[in-house]
Amino acid sequence: MGVPMDVDRTALPWLEHLWFGAYEISAEVLTSMSLPPFKGSTLRGGLSRALRELCCVRPKGSCRTCPLRTACVYSRTFESPNPLPWHRSPTAPVPYVIEPPQDPKEGFSVGEELNFGLVLVGGACSCLPYFVLALEQLGERIGLGRGKTKGSGRYKLKEVRQRGGGLIYSDGKFHGGRPQRADEWLKERTGGRFPGSVSIRFLTPLRLHFKGRNYFPGPDGFRPSVFLESLYRRLYLLAALYGDTELPPPQVPAFPDVPPLDARFSWMDWERYSGRQGVRMKLGGLMGEVALGEDYRDWFPLIYLGEALHVGKATSFGLGRYKVTKK
């Protein structure tokens, strides 16, 4: 039957201040399209360009010096400033996640479907109409992938649906929809009960940062406490930056350092092209599966929530995505 659902209000009281919307994007290919096997960076780059062209009133200027920085949808989502005095980084986690299709297929023909996901966090949920219009312009005017300057890579945005819910957008019309609070989403996702143990399978490369360095353990060296600390910090920052109340500096709990029930990981190299820097960058990460038992049960709410909001670095491209199942 599982363990009764009870989000620990002592360890995770901030969950009620974090909300998000998860959406499924469906498009129809209009001209031949050539995309890389992992499409997250391409989708992020295209959406960034389209949204900036849609919103920016000073296209040749810098977001950092723009007087409209705090009001502009593009600046608030893609160039998110850090207003938190206790967060040492000059930048902040962005309030969106792109979830590219899992299929590594590279060539798309006219009439085929291109489907992917989009998650918006907190106040960025009110920007959904801008994101939808930017995706529409990206497909009709700019294009995706190689050869787009010659007319390739065009698509028609067919519809946007709330994940697990109703229609949000189709045929140029919005049909409503609302984001969910994190604790509400958890209850729906788990059916109100947790299993005694869980298996976490990573769908995209996992890149963790620990004690100021990238965390690259060997096949048998994965520490769940490092994963949980990274996840806790990410979700707390999202709540503090984009939630509905001011939060104090995080008090990161002492997570169990018990070995997992099972862990099987390998390294996956992934390369992306940075248009801004004009260079190719390697962003490899861990792929595999880890099983956690009763010692980690108090943190199952955190683990399940990360399924929706990802964990680690480069989450905006879709990295750090995983699926939780009963072990």
Protein backbone atom coordinates (compact mmCIF):
# COMPACT_ATOMS: atom_id res chain seq x y z
CA MET A 1 0.00 0.00 0.00
CA GLY A 2 2.94 2.33 0.63
CA VAL A 3 3.66 4.95 3.25
CA PRO A 4 1.04 7.70 3.86
CA MET A 5 1.91 10.94 2.13
CA ASP A 6 3.13 13.64 4.50
CA VAL A 7 5.36 16.46 3.28
CA ASP A 8 7.66 17.24 6.21
CA ARG A 9 6.74 20.80 7.19
CA THR A 10 9.87 21.10 9.32
CA ALA A 11 12.35 20.19 6.60
CA LEU A 12 10.42 21.49 3.58
CA PRO A 13 8.10 24.29 4.77
CA TRP A 14 8.92 26.34 1.66
CA LEU A 15 7.23 23.91 -0.74
CA GLU A 16 3.93 25.74 -0.37
CA HIS A 17 5.60 28.84 -1.83
CA LEU A 18 6.88 27.07 -4.96
CA TRP A 19 4.62 26.53 -7.93
CA PHE A 20 5.11 25.67 -11.57
CA GLY A 21 3.37 24.76 -14.82
CA ALA A 22 4.43 21.83 -17.01
CA TYR A 23 3.37 21.94 -20.66
CA GLU A 24 3.53 19.67 -23.70
CA ILE A 25 4.29 21.37 -27.04
CA SER A 26 3.14 19.77 -30.31
CA ALA A 27 4.34 21.01 -33.70
CA GLU A 28 4.10 19.85 -37.32
CA VAL A 29 7.19 20.02 -39.53
CA LEU A 30 6.64 22.25 -42.60
CA THR A 31 10.06 21.99 -44.26
CA SER A 32 12.77 19.36 -43.84
CA MET A 33 14.51 19.67 -40.49
CA SER A 34 17.95 18.49 -39.33
CA LEU A 35 18.50 18.45 -35.56
CA PRO A 36 21.19 16.99 -33.29
CA PRO A 37 20.51 13.78 -31.33
CA PHE A 38 20.07 15.81 -28.11
CA LYS A 39 17.88 18.75 -29.03
CA GLY A 40 17.73 20.70 -25.77
CA SER A 41 20.41 23.26 -26.63
CA THR A 42 18.97 23.84 -30.11
CA LEU A 43 15.47 24.40 -28.72
CA ARG A 44 16.76 26.67 -25.96
CA GLY A 45 18.82 28.73 -28.41
CA GLY A 46 15.94 29.10 -30.85
CA LEU A 47 13.46 30.03 -28.14
CA SER A 48 15.89 32.56 -26.68
CA ARG A 49 16.32 34.30 -30.03
CA ALA A 50 12.60 34.35 -30.81
CA LEU A 51 11.60 35.60 -27.35
CA ARG A 52 14.19 38.37 -27.42
CA GLU A 53 13.05 39.52 -30.86
CA LEU A 54 9.46 39.48 -29.61
CA CYS A 55 10.06 41.43 -26.38
CA CYS A 56 13.21 43.52 -26.65
CA VAL A 57 12.88 47.29 -27.23
CA ARG A 58 16.67 47.80 -27.34
CA PRO A 59 17.89 44.88 -29.46
CA LYS A 60 21.45 46.20 -29.78
CA GLY A 61 21.85 46.86 -26.06
CA SER A 62 22.73 44.68 -23.09
CA CYS A 63 20.12 43.35 -20.68
CA ARG A 64 22.39 44.32 -17.77
CA THR A 65 22.16 48.04 -18.57
CA CYS A 66 18.58 48.15 -19.86
CA PRO A 67 16.21 50.29 -17.72
CA LEU A 68 13.40 47.82 -18.49
CA ARG A 69 15.37 44.84 -17.25
CA THR A 70 13.03 43.98 -14.38
CA ALA A 71 9.89 44.38 -16.50
CA CYS A 72 11.03 42.62 -19.70
CA VAL A 73 9.85 39.02 -20.12
CA TYR A 74 13.05 38.02 -21.91
CA SER A 75 15.35 39.52 -19.27
CA ARG A 76 13.33 38.09 -16.37
CA THR A 77 13.46 34.56 -17.77
CA PHE A 78 16.62 34.18 -19.87
CA GLU A 79 18.91 36.73 -18.17
CA SER A 80 17.60 36.30 -14.64
CA PRO A 81 19.36 38.64 -12.19
CA ASN A 82 20.15 37.51 -8.65
CA PRO A 83 18.38 39.77 -6.12
CA LEU A 84 19.16 37.52 -3.12
CA PRO A 85 21.90 38.96 -0.88
CA TRP A 86 22.68 35.50 0.54
CA HIS A 87 23.12 33.80 -2.86
CA ARG A 88 26.75 34.37 -3.82
CA SER A 89 26.42 33.88 -7.58
CA PRO A 90 25.80 36.98 -9.74
CA THR A 91 23.32 34.94 -11.78
CA ALA A 92 20.30 32.93 -10.72
CA PRO A 93 18.75 29.64 -11.84
CA VAL A 94 16.43 30.47 -14.72
CA PRO A 95 12.68 29.89 -14.18
CA TYR A 96 12.19 27.49 -17.07
CA VAL A 97 13.17 24.01 -18.21
CA ILE A 98 13.05 22.73 -21.78
CA GLU A 99 12.46 18.99 -22.08
CA PRO A 100 13.57 17.86 -25.54
CA PRO A 101 12.23 14.68 -27.12
CA GLN A 102 13.97 11.52 -25.93
CA ASP A 103 14.25 10.13 -29.46
CA PRO A 104 17.77 10.80 -30.87
CA LYS A 105 16.31 11.03 -34.38
CA GLU A 106 18.06 13.73 -36.44
CA GLY A 107 16.10 14.06 -39.70
CA PHE A 108 12.46 15.20 -39.81
CA SER A 109 10.37 15.21 -42.97
CA VAL A 110 7.43 17.41 -43.93
CA GLY A 111 4.31 16.41 -42.01
CA GLU A 112 6.10 14.70 -39.12
CA GLU A 113 5.52 15.73 -35.52
CA LEU A 114 8.03 17.45 -33.25
CA ASN A 115 7.00 17.24 -29.59
CA PHE A 116 8.79 18.54 -26.50
CA GLY A 117 8.09 19.84 -23.00
CA LEU A 118 8.35 23.20 -21.27
CA VAL A 119 8.26 23.90 -17.52
CA LEU A 120 7.80 27.43 -16.15
CA VAL A 121 8.40 28.23 -12.48
CA GLY A 122 6.68 30.69 -10.17
CA GLY A 123 6.05 34.14 -11.58
CA ALA A 124 7.35 33.02 -14.98
CA CYS A 125 4.10 31.07 -15.42
CA SER A 126 2.42 34.38 -16.24
CA CYS A 127 4.83 34.66 -19.20
CA LEU A 128 3.43 31.54 -20.90
CA PRO A 129 1.64 33.52 -23.68
CA TYR A 130 4.97 35.16 -24.61
CA PHE A 131 6.71 31.78 -24.71
CA VAL A 132 3.95 30.35 -26.90
CA LEU A 133 4.07 33.27 -29.34
CA ALA A 134 7.88 33.04 -29.44
CA LEU A 135 7.67 29.32 -30.24
CA GLU A 136 5.18 30.14 -32.97
CA GLN A 137 7.50 32.73 -34.52
CA LEU A 138 10.47 30.40 -34.15
CA GLY A 139 8.74 27.81 -36.28
CA GLU A 140 7.20 30.07 -38.90
CA ARG A 141 9.90 32.73 -39.37
CA ILE A 142 13.26 31.64 -37.92
CA GLY A 143 13.46 27.87 -38.08
CA LEU A 144 15.34 25.20 -36.15
CA GLY A 145 18.52 23.27 -36.84
CA ARG A 146 20.95 23.18 -39.74
CA GLY A 147 20.01 24.96 -42.96
CA LYS A 148 17.40 27.23 -41.43
CA THR A 149 18.79 30.25 -43.31
CA LYS A 150 17.81 28.49 -46.55
CA GLY A 151 14.25 27.77 -45.50
CA SER A 152 14.75 24.48 -43.68
CA GLY A 153 13.63 23.80 -40.12
CA ARG A 154 10.21 25.43 -40.29
CA TYR A 155 7.28 24.10 -38.29
CA LYS A 156 3.72 25.00 -37.35
CA LEU A 157 2.83 25.14 -33.67
CA LYS A 158 -0.27 22.96 -33.36
CA GLU A 159 -1.15 23.00 -29.67
CA VAL A 160 0.05 23.43 -26.12
CA ARG A 161 -1.38 21.23 -23.36
CA GLN A 162 -0.94 21.24 -19.63
CA ARG A 163 0.85 18.03 -18.74
CA GLY A 164 -1.78 15.61 -17.51
CA GLY A 165 -4.45 18.26 -18.08
CA GLY A 166 -6.35 20.15 -20.71
CA LEU A 167 -5.70 22.24 -23.79
CA ILE A 168 -3.89 25.54 -23.22
CA TYR A 169 -3.43 26.85 -26.77
CA SER A 170 -4.48 25.95 -30.32
CA ASP A 171 -5.37 27.77 -33.55
CA GLY A 172 -4.18 31.10 -32.20
CA LYS A 173 -6.38 30.95 -29.07
CA PHE A 174 -5.56 30.48 -25.40
CA HIS A 175 -7.89 28.28 -23.38
CA GLY A 176 -6.86 28.95 -19.78
CA GLY A 177 -4.96 26.63 -17.46
CA ARG A 178 -3.20 27.30 -14.19
CA PRO A 179 0.09 26.33 -12.53
CA GLN A 180 0.23 24.01 -9.53
CA ARG A 181 1.72 24.42 -6.10
CA ALA A 182 4.53 21.96 -5.48
CA ASP A 183 2.77 20.23 -2.59
CA GLU A 184 -0.42 19.86 -4.66
CA TRP A 185 1.57 18.37 -7.54
CA LEU A 186 3.22 15.91 -5.16
CA LYS A 187 -0.11 14.60 -3.92
CA GLU A 188 -1.32 14.08 -7.48
CA ARG A 189 1.92 12.46 -8.59
CA THR A 190 2.13 9.97 -5.71
CA GLY A 191 -1.57 9.31 -5.18
CA GLY A 192 -1.06 10.38 -1.59
CA ARG A 193 1.34 7.55 -0.71
CA PHE A 194 5.05 6.83 -0.99
CA PRO A 195 6.59 3.41 -1.64
CA GLY A 196 9.13 1.98 0.78
CA SER A 197 11.94 2.38 -1.74
CA VAL A 198 12.36 4.10 -5.09
CA SER A 199 14.38 3.75 -8.26
CA ILE A 200 15.64 6.90 -9.99
CA ARG A 201 16.46 6.49 -13.68
CA PHE A 202 18.19 9.40 -15.40
CA LEU A 203 16.78 10.22 -18.83
CA THR A 204 19.32 12.94 -19.66
CA PRO A 205 22.92 13.48 -18.42
CA LEU A 206 23.32 14.50 -14.78
CA ARG A 207 25.92 17.17 -13.97
CA LEU A 208 26.39 17.85 -10.26
CA HIS A 209 28.48 20.50 -8.49
CA PHE A 210 29.88 19.64 -5.06
CA LYS A 211 32.25 21.65 -2.84
CA GLY A 212 33.11 24.03 -5.66
CA ARG A 213 33.87 21.34 -8.22
CA ASN A 214 32.09 19.22 -10.78
CA TYR A 215 31.14 15.89 -9.23
CA PHE A 216 32.17 12.95 -11.40
CA PRO A 217 32.11 9.77 -9.25
CA GLY A 218 33.19 6.41 -10.59
CA PRO A 219 30.71 3.64 -11.38
CA ASP A 220 30.55 2.56 -7.71
CA GLY A 221 31.11 5.92 -6.00
CA PHE A 222 27.72 7.64 -6.32
CA ARG A 223 26.73 9.35 -3.05
CA PRO A 224 22.99 10.03 -2.70
CA SER A 225 23.71 12.81 -0.20
CA VAL A 226 25.46 14.85 -2.93
CA PHE A 227 22.50 14.36 -5.25
CA LEU A 228 20.03 15.36 -2.51
CA GLU A 229 21.98 18.45 -1.47
CA SER A 230 22.13 19.67 -5.07
CA LEU A 231 18.42 19.01 -5.50
CA TYR A 232 17.52 20.76 -2.24
CA ARG A 233 19.57 23.86 -3.09
CA ARG A 234 18.08 24.11 -6.58
CA LEU A 235 14.46 23.79 -5.49
CA TYR A 236 14.92 26.14 -2.53
CA LEU A 237 16.49 28.76 -4.81
CA LEU A 238 13.60 28.47 -7.25
CA ALA A 239 11.15 29.01 -4.38
CA ALA A 240 13.14 31.98 -3.04
CA LEU A 241 13.58 33.64 -6.43
CA TYR A 242 10.23 32.98 -8.09
CA GLY A 243 7.86 31.99 -5.28
CA ASP A 244 5.23 34.10 -3.55
CA THR A 245 7.11 35.12 -0.39
CA GLU A 246 10.56 36.20 0.79
CA LEU A 247 12.64 33.32 2.14
CA PRO A 248 15.70 33.41 4.45
CA PRO A 249 19.00 31.73 3.55
CA PRO A 250 18.55 27.95 3.28
CA GLN A 251 19.36 25.68 6.20
CA VAL A 252 20.54 22.67 4.22
CA PRO A 253 19.75 19.49 6.17
CA ALA A 254 22.27 16.78 6.96
CA PHE A 255 21.23 14.14 4.46
CA PRO A 256 21.87 10.44 5.12
CA ASP A 257 25.13 9.15 3.71
CA VAL A 258 23.99 5.54 3.49
CA PRO A 259 25.03 3.61 0.35
CA PRO A 260 22.22 3.14 -2.18
CA LEU A 261 20.48 -0.20 -2.58
CA ASP A 262 21.86 -0.28 -6.10
CA ALA A 263 23.64 2.15 -8.42
CA ARG A 264 24.64 1.71 -12.04
CA PHE A 265 26.13 4.70 -13.81
CA SER A 266 28.21 5.42 -16.86
CA TRP A 267 29.53 8.62 -18.41
CA MET A 268 27.85 10.07 -21.48
CA ASP A 269 29.57 12.78 -23.50
CA TRP A 270 27.40 15.43 -25.08
CA GLU A 271 28.54 18.38 -27.18
CA ARG A 272 26.72 21.60 -27.92
CA TYR A 273 27.50 24.68 -29.97
CA SER A 274 27.34 28.01 -28.16
CA GLY A 275 26.26 30.69 -30.61
CA ARG A 276 27.04 33.41 -28.07
CA GLN A 277 30.63 32.25 -27.56
CA GLY A 278 31.11 30.82 -31.06
CA VAL A 279 32.61 27.57 -29.76
CA ARG A 280 31.68 23.93 -29.26
CA MET A 281 31.37 22.91 -25.61
CA LYS A 282 31.39 19.47 -24.00
CA LEU A 283 28.68 18.94 -21.39
CA GLY A 284 28.85 15.27 -20.53
CA GLY A 285 27.17 13.78 -17.49
CA LEU A 286 26.15 10.67 -15.62
CA MET A 287 23.55 8.33 -17.07
CA GLY A 288 22.12 5.36 -15.22
CA GLU A 289 19.94 4.36 -12.30
CA VAL A 290 20.08 4.43 -8.51
CA ALA A 291 17.79 2.77 -5.94
CA LEU A 292 17.19 4.32 -2.51
CA GLY A 293 15.54 2.62 0.46
CA GLU A 294 14.00 3.41 3.85
CA ASP A 295 16.96 5.52 5.00
CA TYR A 296 15.97 8.17 2.45
CA ARG A 297 12.19 8.00 2.85
CA ASP A 298 11.95 11.41 4.55
CA TRP A 299 13.35 12.94 1.35
CA PHE A 300 11.09 11.17 -1.12
CA PRO A 301 8.98 14.38 -1.50
CA LEU A 302 12.12 16.21 -2.64
CA ILE A 303 13.08 13.38 -5.00
CA TYR A 304 9.65 13.18 -6.60
CA LEU A 305 9.51 16.95 -7.07
CA GLY A 306 12.87 16.91 -8.84
CA GLU A 307 11.26 14.68 -11.44
CA ALA A 308 9.36 17.75 -12.63
CA LEU A 309 12.04 20.41 -12.09
CA HIS A 310 15.28 18.49 -12.84
CA VAL A 311 18.53 18.62 -10.89
CA GLY A 312 22.13 19.73 -11.40
CA LYS A 313 23.63 22.00 -14.04
CA ALA A 314 22.27 22.95 -17.50
CA THR A 315 18.69 22.12 -16.54
CA SER A 316 17.44 24.82 -18.92
CA PHE A 317 18.60 22.59 -21.81
CA GLY A 318 16.87 19.58 -20.27
CA LEU A 319 19.81 18.00 -18.44
CA GLY A 320 19.25 16.35 -15.05
CA ARG A 321 15.89 14.85 -15.99
CA TYR A 322 14.88 11.61 -14.29
CA LYS A 323 11.97 9.26 -13.69
CA VAL A 324 11.02 7.89 -10.25
CA THR A 325 9.41 4.46 -9.93
CA LYS A 326 8.57 2.12 -7.08
CA LYS A 327 11.45 -0.23 -6.36
